């Protein structure tokens, strides 16, 4: 059922419409064939990944829909968007979109990009009733609560929130990502993860109190941070990050296949001490943060081929 621009405009609040730009037709055409979303946290990654897709995979970078550096006067949010052609005769494209930090940003990106794609087709006079956003893949970084090496790409098999509600990725898309990672010689590890709302205490990082307090009280506060991580481990959770649960729950509700993949850059458990620590490897981040996206991009191409077979 075609719904038109007026309907979809109601669901576009934070990301600018094509009509906000000097060349709205060009912007609408840039979004019209997007069927795959690659979500990243950093607003710098969309351009880096668009360049990588072109140089490593021979995919054509079609252009920038929005970048805060170029158009801060139109929108002051961090939702930078680059569009890449997947190189298929059927013409599907992929949008690489930054969502910032946390589940709310990821929710906004998924829902508003879906609405923008429909809006653009309707505004161009095309039949948007047949338009469907097929897949969402989140590429990022994560910590591990298990014995997973730095630089390994963790593929979520289930994602919990702080209340231990669970959201599941699409098994078929996960399989395509694992196959793609194997072809690209990218090390992977499968496991459940937790998407906590809180980066510090939510992931068991003890933050000392202001002022002077009794040592035994400070020790109790530190122990509560440890206990939170042990509660995750008891559920079989080996990864910790902040967005996967939202991505899977939103996509499931909308009928979109989703997957979440992240390079391990922090290891929280010290086997020798038998306790959780703060252990972050900046070199692993620089070396591996773009690896998950490579597996997702390759999987998107294979998915499109299967859909069109």
C-alpha atoms as a PDB file:
ATOM      1  CA  UNK A   1       0.000   0.000   0.000  1.00  0.00           C
ATOM      2  CA  UNK A   2       1.435   3.345  -1.071  1.00  0.00           C
ATOM      3  CA  UNK A   3       1.300   5.920   1.728  1.00  0.00           C
ATOM      4  CA  UNK A   4       2.940   9.009   0.242  1.00  0.00           C
ATOM      5  CA  UNK A   5       5.201  11.751   1.553  1.00  0.00           C
ATOM      6  CA  UNK A   6       2.723  13.211   4.060  1.00  0.00           C
ATOM      7  CA  UNK A   7       2.483   9.882   5.872  1.00  0.00           C
ATOM      8  CA  UNK A   8       6.231   9.240   6.023  1.00  0.00           C
ATOM      9  CA  UNK A   9       7.066  12.833   7.004  1.00  0.00           C
ATOM     10  CA  UNK A  10       5.543  12.129  10.413  1.00  0.00           C
ATOM     11  CA  UNK A  11       8.371   9.673  11.112  1.00  0.00           C
ATOM     12  CA  UNK A  12      11.265  11.941  10.066  1.00  0.00           C
ATOM     13  CA  UNK A  13      12.366  14.272  12.860  1.00  0.00           C
ATOM     14  CA  UNK A  14      16.151  14.297  13.280  1.00  0.00           C
ATOM     15  CA  UNK A  15      17.612  13.495   9.846  1.00  0.00           C
ATOM     16  CA  UNK A  16      16.974  16.219   7.234  1.00  0.00           C
ATOM     17  CA  UNK A  17      14.566  15.641   4.350  1.00  0.00           C
ATOM     18  CA  UNK A  18      15.871  15.944   0.771  1.00  0.00           C
ATOM     19  CA  UNK A  19      13.953  19.233   0.493  1.00  0.00           C
ATOM     20  CA  UNK A  20      16.296  20.757   3.105  1.00  0.00           C
ATOM     21  CA  UNK A  21      19.110  20.734   0.528  1.00  0.00           C
ATOM     22  CA  UNK A  22      19.735  22.901  -2.556  1.00  0.00           C
ATOM     23  CA  UNK A  23      19.324  19.892  -4.878  1.00  0.00           C
ATOM     24  CA  UNK A  24      16.448  17.870  -3.373  1.00  0.00           C
ATOM     25  CA  UNK A  25      15.982  15.645  -6.432  1.00  0.00           C
ATOM     26  CA  UNK A  26      19.587  14.510  -6.307  1.00  0.00           C
ATOM     27  CA  UNK A  27      19.292  13.778  -2.583  1.00  0.00           C
ATOM     28  CA  UNK A  28      16.038  11.844  -3.029  1.00  0.00           C
ATOM     29  CA  UNK A  29      17.541   9.798  -5.851  1.00  0.00           C
ATOM     30  CA  UNK A  30      20.529   9.028  -3.635  1.00  0.00           C
ATOM     31  CA  UNK A  31      18.250   7.367  -1.064  1.00  0.00           C
ATOM     32  CA  UNK A  32      15.633   5.809  -3.354  1.00  0.00           C
ATOM     33  CA  UNK A  33      17.457   2.506  -3.985  1.00  0.00           C
ATOM     34  CA  UNK A  34      18.851   1.998  -0.478  1.00  0.00           C
ATOM     35  CA  UNK A  35      17.880  -1.480   0.720  1.00  0.00           C
ATOM     36  CA  UNK A  36      20.697  -2.099   3.205  1.00  0.00           C
ATOM     37  CA  UNK A  37      21.850  -0.087   6.223  1.00  0.00           C
ATOM     38  CA  UNK A  38      25.325  -0.352   7.694  1.00  0.00           C
ATOM     39  CA  UNK A  39      25.217   1.300  11.126  1.00  0.00           C
ATOM     40  CA  UNK A  40      28.335   2.628  12.834  1.00  0.00           C
ATOM     41  CA  UNK A  41      28.854   4.683  15.966  1.00  0.00           C
ATOM     42  CA  UNK A  42      31.480   7.245  14.991  1.00  0.00           C
ATOM     43  CA  UNK A  43      30.504  10.074  12.643  1.00  0.00           C
ATOM     44  CA  UNK A  44      33.937   9.699  11.009  1.00  0.00           C
ATOM     45  CA  UNK A  45      33.391   6.073   9.957  1.00  0.00           C
ATOM     46  CA  UNK A  46      30.825   6.494   7.144  1.00  0.00           C
ATOM     47  CA  UNK A  47      33.318   8.317   4.903  1.00  0.00           C
ATOM     48  CA  UNK A  48      36.149   5.990   5.853  1.00  0.00           C
ATOM     49  CA  UNK A  49      34.008   2.955   5.081  1.00  0.00           C
ATOM     50  CA  UNK A  50      32.691   4.395   1.825  1.00  0.00           C
ATOM     51  CA  UNK A  51      36.309   4.848   0.755  1.00  0.00           C
ATOM     52  CA  UNK A  52      37.195   1.334   1.920  1.00  0.00           C
ATOM     53  CA  UNK A  53      34.223  -0.165   0.037  1.00  0.00           C
ATOM     54  CA  UNK A  54      35.462   1.517  -3.117  1.00  0.00           C
ATOM     55  CA  UNK A  55      39.142   0.674  -2.742  1.00  0.00           C
ATOM     56  CA  UNK A  56      38.884  -2.872  -1.308  1.00  0.00           C
ATOM     57  CA  UNK A  57      35.692  -4.187  -2.904  1.00  0.00           C
ATOM     58  CA  UNK A  58      35.441  -2.075  -6.069  1.00  0.00           C
ATOM     59  CA  UNK A  59      32.034  -0.680  -5.062  1.00  0.00           C
ATOM     60  CA  UNK A  60      31.097   2.797  -6.264  1.00  0.00           C
ATOM     61  CA  UNK A  61      30.641   5.555  -3.705  1.00  0.00           C
ATOM     62  CA  UNK A  62      27.552   7.348  -5.003  1.00  0.00           C
ATOM     63  CA  UNK A  63      27.782  10.339  -2.702  1.00  0.00           C
ATOM     64  CA  UNK A  64      27.043  11.922   0.646  1.00  0.00           C
ATOM     65  CA  UNK A  65      23.450  12.373   1.734  1.00  0.00           C
ATOM     66  CA  UNK A  66      24.342  14.288   4.880  1.00  0.00           C
ATOM     67  CA  UNK A  67      27.516  15.109   6.769  1.00  0.00           C
ATOM     68  CA  UNK A  68      27.536  17.448   9.734  1.00  0.00           C
ATOM     69  CA  UNK A  69      30.870  18.937   8.644  1.00  0.00           C
ATOM     70  CA  UNK A  70      29.378  20.040   5.325  1.00  0.00           C
ATOM     71  CA  UNK A  71      25.877  20.994   6.469  1.00  0.00           C
ATOM     72  CA  UNK A  72      25.899  21.851  10.171  1.00  0.00           C
ATOM     73  CA  UNK A  73      23.428  24.653   9.382  1.00  0.00           C
ATOM     74  CA  UNK A  74      20.839  22.077   8.267  1.00  0.00           C
ATOM     75  CA  UNK A  75      21.253  19.592  11.110  1.00  0.00           C
ATOM     76  CA  UNK A  76      23.452  19.561  14.203  1.00  0.00           C
ATOM     77  CA  UNK A  77      23.056  15.844  14.888  1.00  0.00           C
ATOM     78  CA  UNK A  78      25.667  13.149  14.342  1.00  0.00           C
ATOM     79  CA  UNK A  79      23.782  11.151  11.717  1.00  0.00           C
ATOM     80  CA  UNK A  80      26.296  11.272   8.846  1.00  0.00           C
ATOM     81  CA  UNK A  81      25.190   9.271   5.792  1.00  0.00           C
ATOM     82  CA  UNK A  82      27.166   7.960   2.810  1.00  0.00           C
ATOM     83  CA  UNK A  83      25.636   5.877   0.000  1.00  0.00           C
ATOM     84  CA  UNK A  84      27.434   3.071  -1.848  1.00  0.00           C
ATOM     85  CA  UNK A  85      26.298   1.063  -4.888  1.00  0.00           C
ATOM     86  CA  UNK A  86      26.513  -2.683  -4.208  1.00  0.00           C
ATOM     87  CA  UNK A  87      27.538  -3.316  -7.826  1.00  0.00           C
ATOM     88  CA  UNK A  88      24.564  -5.469  -8.795  1.00  0.00           C
ATOM     89  CA  UNK A  89      22.496  -5.244 -12.007  1.00  0.00           C
ATOM     90  CA  UNK A  90      19.368  -4.872  -9.874  1.00  0.00           C
ATOM     91  CA  UNK A  91      20.663  -1.548  -8.536  1.00  0.00           C
ATOM     92  CA  UNK A  92      20.423  -1.978  -4.748  1.00  0.00           C
ATOM     93  CA  UNK A  93      22.480   0.446  -2.687  1.00  0.00           C
ATOM     94  CA  UNK A  94      23.736   0.575   0.880  1.00  0.00           C
ATOM     95  CA  UNK A  95      23.644   3.558   3.223  1.00  0.00           C
ATOM     96  CA  UNK A  96      26.411   3.802   5.807  1.00  0.00           C
ATOM     97  CA  UNK A  97      25.012   5.773   8.737  1.00  0.00           C
ATOM     98  CA  UNK A  98      26.502   6.915  12.045  1.00  0.00           C
ATOM     99  CA  UNK A  99      24.248   6.671  15.100  1.00  0.00           C
ATOM    100  CA  UNK A 100      26.418   8.041  17.908  1.00  0.00           C
ATOM    101  CA  UNK A 101      26.476   6.275  21.268  1.00  0.00           C
ATOM    102  CA  UNK A 102      23.578   4.340  22.739  1.00  0.00           C
ATOM    103  CA  UNK A 103      20.360   2.646  21.740  1.00  0.00           C
ATOM    104  CA  UNK A 104      18.277   5.782  21.219  1.00  0.00           C
ATOM    105  CA  UNK A 105      20.540   6.963  18.400  1.00  0.00           C
ATOM    106  CA  UNK A 106      20.372   3.557  16.733  1.00  0.00           C
ATOM    107  CA  UNK A 107      16.568   3.547  16.967  1.00  0.00           C
ATOM    108  CA  UNK A 108      16.339   6.994  15.377  1.00  0.00           C
ATOM    109  CA  UNK A 109      18.598   6.001  12.494  1.00  0.00           C
ATOM    110  CA  UNK A 110      16.751   2.776  11.671  1.00  0.00           C
ATOM    111  CA  UNK A 111      13.254   4.230  11.827  1.00  0.00           C
ATOM    112  CA  UNK A 112      14.033   7.536  10.131  1.00  0.00           C
ATOM    113  CA  UNK A 113      16.176   6.062   7.360  1.00  0.00           C
ATOM    114  CA  UNK A 114      13.376   3.599   6.588  1.00  0.00           C
ATOM    115  CA  UNK A 115      10.909   6.478   6.410  1.00  0.00           C
ATOM    116  CA  UNK A 116      13.293   8.607   4.303  1.00  0.00           C
ATOM    117  CA  UNK A 117      13.691   5.831   1.742  1.00  0.00           C
ATOM    118  CA  UNK A 118       9.919   5.530   1.374  1.00  0.00           C
ATOM    119  CA  UNK A 119       9.499   9.325   1.352  1.00  0.00           C
ATOM    120  CA  UNK A 120      12.115   9.729  -1.387  1.00  0.00           C
ATOM    121  CA  UNK A 121      10.481   7.180  -3.653  1.00  0.00           C
ATOM    122  CA  UNK A 122       7.049   8.744  -3.167  1.00  0.00           C
ATOM    123  CA  UNK A 123       8.399  12.272  -3.769  1.00  0.00           C
ATOM    124  CA  UNK A 124      10.083  11.113  -6.993  1.00  0.00           C
ATOM    125  CA  UNK A 125       6.756   9.717  -8.203  1.00  0.00           C
ATOM    126  CA  UNK A 126       7.788   6.084  -7.817  1.00  0.00           C
ATOM    127  CA  UNK A 127       5.665   3.331  -6.325  1.00  0.00           C
ATOM    128  CA  UNK A 128       6.944   3.156  -2.764  1.00  0.00           C
ATOM    129  CA  UNK A 129       4.554   0.375  -1.791  1.00  0.00           C
ATOM    130  CA  UNK A 130       7.068  -2.204  -3.053  1.00  0.00           C
ATOM    131  CA  UNK A 131      10.030  -0.615  -1.279  1.00  0.00           C
ATOM    132  CA  UNK A 132      11.474  -2.663   1.585  1.00  0.00           C
ATOM    133  CA  UNK A 133      14.530  -2.075   3.738  1.00  0.00           C
ATOM    134  CA  UNK A 134      15.951  -5.601   3.810  1.00  0.00           C
ATOM    135  CA  UNK A 135      18.867  -5.694   6.227  1.00  0.00           C
ATOM    136  CA  UNK A 136      20.476  -3.683   8.985  1.00  0.00           C
ATOM    137  CA  UNK A 137      23.999  -4.535  10.086  1.00  0.00           C
ATOM    138  CA  UNK A 138      25.677  -2.801  13.010  1.00  0.00           C
ATOM    139  CA  UNK A 139      29.449  -2.600  12.898  1.00  0.00           C
ATOM    140  CA  UNK A 140      31.276  -1.425  15.984  1.00  0.00           C
ATOM    141  CA  UNK A 141      33.557  -2.315  18.845  1.00  0.00           C
ATOM    142  CA  UNK A 142      32.899  -4.201  22.067  1.00  0.00           C
ATOM    143  CA  UNK A 143      34.347  -5.557  25.231  1.00  0.00           C
ATOM    144  CA  UNK A 144      34.526  -9.223  26.130  1.00  0.00           C
ATOM    145  CA  UNK A 145      33.706 -10.838  29.450  1.00  0.00           C
ATOM    146  CA  UNK A 146      35.278 -14.079  28.275  1.00  0.00           C
ATOM    147  CA  UNK A 147      38.587 -15.259  26.884  1.00  0.00           C
ATOM    148  CA  UNK A 148      38.411 -13.674  23.412  1.00  0.00           C
ATOM    149  CA  UNK A 149      41.537 -12.226  21.820  1.00  0.00           C
ATOM    150  CA  UNK A 150      41.891  -8.546  20.944  1.00  0.00           C
ATOM    151  CA  UNK A 151      40.971  -7.799  17.346  1.00  0.00           C
ATOM    152  CA  UNK A 152      38.592 -10.751  17.096  1.00  0.00           C
ATOM    153  CA  UNK A 153      35.261  -9.870  15.487  1.00  0.00           C
ATOM    154  CA  UNK A 154      32.450 -10.813  17.837  1.00  0.00           C
ATOM    155  CA  UNK A 155      29.182 -11.853  16.178  1.00  0.00           C
ATOM    156  CA  UNK A 156      26.158 -11.596  18.462  1.00  0.00           C
ATOM    157  CA  UNK A 157      23.905 -14.642  18.681  1.00  0.00           C
ATOM    158  CA  UNK A 158      21.572 -12.949  21.183  1.00  0.00           C
ATOM    159  CA  UNK A 159      21.458  -9.510  22.788  1.00  0.00           C
ATOM    160  CA  UNK A 160      20.225  -8.725  26.297  1.00  0.00           C
ATOM    161  CA  UNK A 161      19.398  -5.393  27.884  1.00  0.00           C
ATOM    162  CA  UNK A 162      19.993  -4.410  31.524  1.00  0.00           C
ATOM    163  CA  UNK A 163      16.751  -6.147  32.555  1.00  0.00           C
ATOM    164  CA  UNK A 164      17.839  -9.332  30.729  1.00  0.00           C
ATOM    165  CA  UNK A 165      15.161  -9.062  28.063  1.00  0.00           C
ATOM    166  CA  UNK A 166      16.503 -10.698  24.915  1.00  0.00           C
ATOM    167  CA  UNK A 167      16.422  -9.730  21.228  1.00  0.00           C
ATOM    168  CA  UNK A 168      17.694 -11.995  18.471  1.00  0.00           C
ATOM    169  CA  UNK A 169      19.555 -11.304  15.224  1.00  0.00           C
ATOM    170  CA  UNK A 170      18.592 -12.892  11.928  1.00  0.00           C
ATOM    171  CA  UNK A 171      20.214 -16.328  11.741  1.00  0.00           C
ATOM    172  CA  UNK A 172      20.533 -16.331   7.935  1.00  0.00           C
ATOM    173  CA  UNK A 173      22.224 -12.918   7.886  1.00  0.00           C
ATOM    174  CA  UNK A 174      24.551 -14.026  10.679  1.00  0.00           C
ATOM    175  CA  UNK A 175      25.521 -17.059   8.604  1.00  0.00           C
ATOM    176  CA  UNK A 176      26.303 -14.880   5.582  1.00  0.00           C
ATOM    177  CA  UNK A 177      28.481 -12.658   7.772  1.00  0.00           C
ATOM    178  CA  UNK A 178      30.385 -15.653   9.150  1.00  0.00           C
ATOM    179  CA  UNK A 179      30.949 -16.993   5.637  1.00  0.00           C
ATOM    180  CA  UNK A 180      32.106 -13.563   4.473  1.00  0.00           C
ATOM    181  CA  UNK A 181      34.486 -13.207   7.411  1.00  0.00           C
ATOM    182  CA  UNK A 182      36.006 -16.599   6.611  1.00  0.00           C
ATOM    183  CA  UNK A 183      36.601 -15.582   2.989  1.00  0.00           C
ATOM    184  CA  UNK A 184      38.223 -12.348   4.168  1.00  0.00           C
ATOM    185  CA  UNK A 185      40.358 -14.204   6.757  1.00  0.00           C
ATOM    186  CA  UNK A 186      38.781 -12.235   9.616  1.00  0.00           C
ATOM    187  CA  UNK A 187      38.896 -14.016  13.019  1.00  0.00           C
ATOM    188  CA  UNK A 188      35.434 -14.363  14.576  1.00  0.00           C
ATOM    189  CA  UNK A 189      33.818 -15.461  17.817  1.00  0.00           C
ATOM    190  CA  UNK A 190      30.132 -16.209  18.385  1.00  0.00           C
ATOM    191  CA  UNK A 191      28.302 -15.405  21.594  1.00  0.00           C
ATOM    192  CA  UNK A 192      25.556 -13.590  23.452  1.00  0.00           C
ATOM    193  CA  UNK A 193      26.016  -9.958  24.410  1.00  0.00           C
ATOM    194  CA  UNK A 194      24.558  -7.333  26.699  1.00  0.00           C
ATOM    195  CA  UNK A 195      23.612  -3.835  25.539  1.00  0.00           C
ATOM    196  CA  UNK A 196      23.733  -1.774  28.673  1.00  0.00           C
ATOM    197  CA  UNK A 197      22.428   1.791  28.846  1.00  0.00           C
ATOM    198  CA  UNK A 198      25.440   2.862  30.868  1.00  0.00           C
ATOM    199  CA  UNK A 199      29.043   2.847  29.716  1.00  0.00           C
ATOM    200  CA  UNK A 200      30.657   3.133  33.147  1.00  0.00           C
ATOM    201  CA  UNK A 201      28.691   1.486  35.960  1.00  0.00           C
ATOM    202  CA  UNK A 202      26.521  -0.426  33.492  1.00  0.00           C
ATOM    203  CA  UNK A 203      29.579  -2.298  32.297  1.00  0.00           C
ATOM    204  CA  UNK A 204      31.011  -2.788  35.759  1.00  0.00           C
ATOM    205  CA  UNK A 205      33.560   0.030  35.666  1.00  0.00           C
ATOM    206  CA  UNK A 206      33.900   1.244  39.228  1.00  0.00           C
ATOM    207  CA  UNK A 207      33.845   5.031  39.545  1.00  0.00           C
ATOM    208  CA  UNK A 208      35.191   6.328  42.904  1.00  0.00           C
ATOM    209  CA  UNK A 209      32.940   8.602  44.918  1.00  0.00           C
ATOM    210  CA  UNK A 210      33.583  12.317  45.379  1.00  0.00           C
ATOM    211  CA  UNK A 211      35.207  13.236  48.665  1.00  0.00           C
ATOM    212  CA  UNK A 212      36.498  10.933  51.354  1.00  0.00           C
ATOM    213  CA  UNK A 213      34.435   7.940  52.386  1.00  0.00           C
ATOM    214  CA  UNK A 214      35.221   4.972  54.581  1.00  0.00           C
ATOM    215  CA  UNK A 215      37.408   2.374  52.852  1.00  0.00           C
ATOM    216  CA  UNK A 216      34.898  -0.414  53.514  1.00  0.00           C
ATOM    217  CA  UNK A 217      32.132   1.586  51.797  1.00  0.00           C
ATOM    218  CA  UNK A 218      34.369   2.234  48.803  1.00  0.00           C
ATOM    219  CA  UNK A 219      35.178  -1.487  48.685  1.00  0.00           C
ATOM    220  CA  UNK A 220      31.465  -2.319  48.723  1.00  0.00           C
ATOM    221  CA  UNK A 221      30.853   0.043  45.801  1.00  0.00           C
ATOM    222  CA  UNK A 222      33.669  -1.592  43.854  1.00  0.00           C
ATOM    223  CA  UNK A 223      32.243  -5.043  44.640  1.00  0.00           C
ATOM    224  CA  UNK A 224      28.805  -4.048  43.313  1.00  0.00           C
ATOM    225  CA  UNK A 225      30.442  -3.176  40.000  1.00  0.00           C
ATOM    226  CA  UNK A 226      32.055  -6.618  39.917  1.00  0.00           C
ATOM    227  CA  UNK A 227      28.755  -8.279  40.832  1.00  0.00           C
ATOM    228  CA  UNK A 228      27.027  -6.697  37.840  1.00  0.00           C
ATOM    229  CA  UNK A 229      29.504  -8.279  35.457  1.00  0.00           C
ATOM    230  CA  UNK A 230      29.233 -11.641  37.199  1.00  0.00           C
ATOM    231  CA  UNK A 231      25.445 -11.439  36.691  1.00  0.00           C
ATOM    232  CA  UNK A 232      26.085 -11.051  32.957  1.00  0.00           C
ATOM    233  CA  UNK A 233      28.472 -14.014  32.905  1.00  0.00           C
ATOM    234  CA  UNK A 234      25.973 -16.212  34.735  1.00  0.00           C
ATOM    235  CA  UNK A 235      23.586 -15.586  31.812  1.00  0.00           C
ATOM    236  CA  UNK A 236      26.191 -16.835  29.355  1.00  0.00           C
ATOM    237  CA  UNK A 237      27.033 -13.339  28.113  1.00  0.00           C
ATOM    238  CA  UNK A 238      30.523 -12.809  26.695  1.00  0.00           C
ATOM    239  CA  UNK A 239      30.213  -9.415  24.953  1.00  0.00           C
ATOM    240  CA  UNK A 240      29.308  -5.962  26.264  1.00  0.00           C
ATOM    241  CA  UNK A 241      28.344  -2.887  24.241  1.00  0.00           C
ATOM    242  CA  UNK A 242      25.443  -0.405  24.053  1.00  0.00           C
ATOM    243  CA  UNK A 243      23.323  -0.769  20.897  1.00  0.00           C
ATOM    244  CA  UNK A 244      22.784  -4.362  19.725  1.00  0.00           C
ATOM    245  CA  UNK A 245      19.628  -5.031  21.750  1.00  0.00           C
ATOM    246  CA  UNK A 246      17.924  -1.947  20.303  1.00  0.00           C
ATOM    247  CA  UNK A 247      18.952  -2.812  16.747  1.00  0.00           C
ATOM    248  CA  UNK A 248      17.561  -6.349  16.951  1.00  0.00           C
ATOM    249  CA  UNK A 249      14.365  -5.449  18.783  1.00  0.00           C
ATOM    250  CA  UNK A 250      13.504  -2.577  16.408  1.00  0.00           C
ATOM    251  CA  UNK A 251      14.323  -4.599  13.293  1.00  0.00           C
ATOM    252  CA  UNK A 252      12.316  -7.579  14.500  1.00  0.00           C
ATOM    253  CA  UNK A 253       9.302  -5.312  15.046  1.00  0.00           C
ATOM    254  CA  UNK A 254       9.675  -3.855  11.536  1.00  0.00           C
ATOM    255  CA  UNK A 255      10.331  -7.174   9.777  1.00  0.00           C
ATOM    256  CA  UNK A 256      13.928  -6.311   8.847  1.00  0.00           C
ATOM    257  CA  UNK A 257      16.801  -8.806   9.075  1.00  0.00           C
ATOM    258  CA  UNK A 258      19.525  -7.599  11.440  1.00  0.00           C
ATOM    259  CA  UNK A 259      22.974  -8.568  12.635  1.00  0.00           C
ATOM    260  CA  UNK A 260      25.481  -6.978  14.988  1.00  0.00           C
ATOM    261  CA  UNK A 261      29.211  -7.416  14.728  1.00  0.00           C
ATOM    262  CA  UNK A 262      31.983  -5.767  16.712  1.00  0.00           C
ATOM    263  CA  UNK A 263      35.748  -5.861  17.053  1.00  0.00           C
ATOM    264  CA  UNK A 264      36.912  -6.796  20.545  1.00  0.00           C
ATOM    265  CA  UNK A 265      38.992  -3.925  21.911  1.00  0.00           C
ATOM    266  CA  UNK A 266      38.520  -4.432  25.670  1.00  0.00           C
ATOM    267  CA  UNK A 267      38.945  -7.561  27.772  1.00  0.00           C
ATOM    268  CA  UNK A 268      37.293  -7.298  31.149  1.00  0.00           C
ATOM    269  CA  UNK A 269      38.279 -10.530  32.892  1.00  0.00           C
ATOM    270  CA  UNK A 270      41.753 -11.184  34.266  1.00  0.00           C
ATOM    271  CA  UNK A 271      42.233 -14.950  34.368  1.00  0.00           C
ATOM    272  CA  UNK A 272      45.263 -14.696  36.670  1.00  0.00           C
ATOM    273  CA  UNK A 273      43.464 -12.510  39.242  1.00  0.00           C
ATOM    274  CA  UNK A 274      40.085 -14.155  38.819  1.00  0.00           C
ATOM    275  CA  UNK A 275      38.332 -10.776  38.721  1.00  0.00           C
ATOM    276  CA  UNK A 276      37.091  -8.152  36.302  1.00  0.00           C
ATOM    277  CA  UNK A 277      39.366  -5.289  35.351  1.00  0.00           C
ATOM    278  CA  UNK A 278      39.416  -2.330  32.975  1.00  0.00           C
ATOM    279  CA  UNK A 279      41.633  -3.436  30.105  1.00  0.00           C
ATOM    280  CA  UNK A 280      41.503  -1.480  26.838  1.00  0.00           C
ATOM    281  CA  UNK A 281      43.740  -1.931  23.790  1.00  0.00           C
ATOM    282  CA  UNK A 282      43.899   1.177  21.593  1.00  0.00           C
ATOM    283  CA  UNK A 283      46.016  -0.661  19.032  1.00  0.00           C
ATOM    284  CA  UNK A 284      43.301  -3.287  18.632  1.00  0.00           C
ATOM    285  CA  UNK A 285      40.801  -0.529  17.921  1.00  0.00           C
ATOM    286  CA  UNK A 286      42.992   1.024  15.233  1.00  0.00           C
ATOM    287  CA  UNK A 287      43.785  -2.357  13.721  1.00  0.00           C
ATOM    288  CA  UNK A 288      40.373  -3.992  13.817  1.00  0.00           C
ATOM    289  CA  UNK A 289      37.546  -1.443  14.033  1.00  0.00           C
ATOM    290  CA  UNK A 290      36.799  -1.615  10.285  1.00  0.00           C
ATOM    291  CA  UNK A 291      36.920  -5.407  10.047  1.00  0.00           C
ATOM    292  CA  UNK A 292      33.293  -6.018  11.098  1.00  0.00           C
ATOM    293  CA  UNK A 293      32.034  -3.662   8.377  1.00  0.00           C
ATOM    294  CA  UNK A 294      33.975  -5.562   5.723  1.00  0.00           C
ATOM    295  CA  UNK A 295      32.197  -8.788   6.640  1.00  0.00           C
ATOM    296  CA  UNK A 296      28.815  -7.024   6.689  1.00  0.00           C
ATOM    297  CA  UNK A 297      29.326  -5.340   3.300  1.00  0.00           C
ATOM    298  CA  UNK A 298      30.269  -8.657   1.696  1.00  0.00           C
ATOM    299  CA  UNK A 299      27.271 -10.340   3.328  1.00  0.00           C
ATOM    300  CA  UNK A 300      24.936  -7.601   2.037  1.00  0.00           C
ATOM    301  CA  UNK A 301      26.091  -8.239  -1.531  1.00  0.00           C
ATOM    302  CA  UNK A 302      25.498 -11.980  -1.135  1.00  0.00           C
ATOM    303  CA  UNK A 303      22.104 -11.353   0.440  1.00  0.00           C
ATOM    304  CA  UNK A 304      21.029  -9.165  -2.472  1.00  0.00           C
ATOM    305  CA  UNK A 305      22.151 -11.832  -4.931  1.00  0.00           C
ATOM    306  CA  UNK A 306      20.032 -14.447  -3.147  1.00  0.00           C
ATOM    307  CA  UNK A 307      16.978 -12.196  -3.035  1.00  0.00           C
ATOM    308  CA  UNK A 308      17.239 -11.546  -6.765  1.00  0.00           C
ATOM    309  CA  UNK A 309      18.099 -15.102  -7.813  1.00  0.00           C
END
